Amino acid sequence: MMDEQTPYQLMGGDGAVRLLCQRFYELMDSIPQFATIRAMHPADLQSSRDKLFMFLSGWLGGPDLYAQHIGHPMLRRRHLPFAIGKEERDQWVACMYLAMESVGIAERLRERLLASFFNTADFMRNQ
């Protein structure tokens, strides 16, 4: 009996997750529609990109890099300093959707991940 592949494996592993994170922040940095969430980040996005990569690696079923290098993600707690409402949630999800589409994640997986990303982003709301 074969085990079901994780989203991490279906995407293509480490390189694919890195590419997704890189594209996500490229889009956030260049599309005016995402200006509100871009303003929540430092000028240099490398640290944010690295943290998202480490988090997504484990979240998608790959190595739990965030916990290994930083500790428990405590997502809601780490996002409390930022005012996150529906607008910010929707910008983040839209940016991630475009990034997934841009890097060629298969439509079926992309739709499955979109629902999970939305639920996680909605959990971050504090406004």
Protein backbone atom coordinates (compact mmCIF):
# COMPACT_ATOMS: atom_id res chain seq x y z
CA MET A 1 0.00 0.00 0.00
CA MET A 2 1.51 3.33 -1.07
CA ASP A 3 1.39 6.31 1.23
CA GLU A 4 -0.26 9.43 -0.12
CA GLN A 5 2.31 12.04 -1.12
CA THR A 6 2.48 15.23 0.90
CA PRO A 7 1.92 18.61 -0.76
CA TYR A 8 5.66 19.19 -0.25
CA GLN A 9 6.43 16.12 -2.36
CA LEU A 10 3.73 16.87 -4.94
CA MET A 11 5.14 20.37 -5.43
CA GLY A 12 8.66 19.07 -5.98
CA GLY A 13 10.27 19.43 -2.57
CA ASP A 14 12.80 21.95 -1.32
CA GLY A 15 13.49 23.72 -4.61
CA ALA A 16 9.83 24.18 -5.45
CA VAL A 17 8.97 25.56 -2.01
CA ARG A 18 11.93 27.97 -2.22
CA LEU A 19 10.76 29.12 -5.64
CA LEU A 20 7.22 29.65 -4.35
CA CYS A 21 8.48 31.81 -1.46
CA GLN A 22 10.74 33.80 -3.76
CA ARG A 23 7.90 34.43 -6.19
CA PHE A 24 5.48 35.32 -3.38
CA TYR A 25 7.73 38.12 -2.15
CA GLU A 26 8.58 39.29 -5.67
CA LEU A 27 4.87 39.72 -6.34
CA MET A 28 4.24 41.36 -2.97
CA ASP A 29 7.08 43.79 -3.64
CA SER A 30 6.03 44.71 -7.16
CA ILE A 31 2.22 44.72 -7.37
CA PRO A 32 0.49 47.81 -5.94
CA GLN A 33 -2.54 45.69 -4.94
CA PHE A 34 -0.36 44.19 -2.19
CA ALA A 35 0.97 47.48 -0.80
CA THR A 36 -0.78 47.09 2.56
CA ILE A 37 0.87 43.76 3.37
CA ARG A 38 4.16 44.87 1.82
CA ALA A 39 4.26 47.76 4.30
CA MET A 40 4.18 45.27 7.17
CA HIS A 41 7.54 43.85 6.09
CA PRO A 42 11.08 45.19 6.36
CA ALA A 43 12.69 46.84 3.33
CA ASP A 44 14.92 43.80 2.84
CA LEU A 45 12.63 40.81 2.38
CA GLN A 46 15.29 38.09 2.68
CA SER A 47 14.58 37.26 6.33
CA SER A 48 10.83 37.13 5.66
CA ARG A 49 11.43 34.92 2.62
CA ASP A 50 13.64 32.56 4.65
CA LYS A 51 11.12 32.30 7.48
CA LEU A 52 8.24 31.62 5.11
CA PHE A 53 10.29 28.93 3.38
CA MET A 54 11.17 27.25 6.67
CA PHE A 55 7.57 27.41 7.85
CA LEU A 56 6.05 26.16 4.58
CA SER A 57 8.55 23.33 4.38
CA GLY A 58 7.09 21.74 7.50
CA TRP A 59 3.53 22.95 6.96
CA LEU A 60 3.45 21.26 3.56
CA GLY A 61 4.77 17.97 4.94
CA GLY A 62 8.51 18.33 4.41
CA PRO A 63 11.29 18.93 6.94
CA ASP A 64 10.13 20.98 9.93
CA LEU A 65 12.84 23.61 9.41
CA TYR A 66 11.12 26.45 11.25
CA ALA A 67 10.87 24.46 14.48
CA GLN A 68 14.46 23.23 14.08
CA HIS A 69 15.94 26.70 13.56
CA ILE A 70 13.58 29.13 15.29
CA GLY A 71 11.20 27.18 17.50
CA HIS A 72 7.48 26.57 17.47
CA PRO A 73 5.84 28.79 14.83
CA MET A 74 3.20 30.26 17.19
CA LEU A 75 1.75 31.93 14.09
CA ARG A 76 -0.99 33.96 15.72
CA ARG A 77 1.29 35.18 18.49
CA ARG A 78 4.05 36.19 16.05
CA HIS A 79 1.55 38.14 13.96
CA LEU A 80 -0.14 40.00 16.84
CA PRO A 81 2.03 43.12 16.46
CA PHE A 82 0.48 43.67 13.02
CA ALA A 83 -3.06 44.88 12.36
CA ILE A 84 -4.48 42.06 10.28
CA GLY A 85 -8.04 42.31 9.07
CA LYS A 86 -9.96 40.98 6.11
CA GLU A 87 -8.12 43.25 3.66
CA GLU A 88 -4.69 42.06 4.80
CA ARG A 89 -5.85 38.42 4.83
CA ASP A 90 -7.25 38.73 1.33
CA GLN A 91 -4.12 40.43 -0.01
CA TRP A 92 -1.89 37.71 1.44
CA VAL A 93 -4.06 34.92 0.03
CA ALA A 94 -4.30 36.59 -3.39
CA CYS A 95 -0.55 37.07 -3.51
CA MET A 96 0.04 33.43 -2.58
CA TYR A 97 -2.47 32.27 -5.18
CA LEU A 98 -0.68 34.26 -7.89
CA ALA A 99 2.65 32.90 -6.71
CA MET A 100 1.37 29.30 -6.83
CA GLU A 101 -0.05 29.87 -10.29
CA SER A 102 3.14 31.60 -11.46
CA VAL A 103 5.45 28.77 -10.41
CA GLY A 104 3.24 26.15 -12.02
CA ILE A 105 1.68 24.32 -9.10
CA ALA A 106 -0.94 21.97 -10.56
CA GLU A 107 -4.46 23.36 -10.41
CA ARG A 108 -5.88 20.59 -8.21
CA LEU A 109 -3.11 21.00 -5.63
CA ARG A 110 -3.27 24.79 -5.91
CA GLU A 111 -6.99 24.77 -5.09
CA ARG A 112 -6.43 22.41 -2.15
CA LEU A 113 -3.64 24.60 -0.81
CA LEU A 114 -5.66 27.77 -1.36
CA ALA A 115 -8.32 26.56 1.08
CA SER A 116 -5.67 25.75 3.69
CA PHE A 117 -3.85 29.05 3.12
CA PHE A 118 -7.13 30.94 3.49
CA ASN A 119 -7.97 29.20 6.76
CA THR A 120 -4.50 29.89 8.15
CA ALA A 121 -4.55 33.53 7.01
CA ASP A 122 -8.02 33.98 8.46
CA PHE A 123 -6.75 32.65 11.80
CA MET A 124 -4.15 35.47 11.80
CA ARG A 125 -6.86 38.16 11.79
CA ASN A 126 -6.85 40.33 14.89
CA GLN A 127 -8.96 43.23 13.61
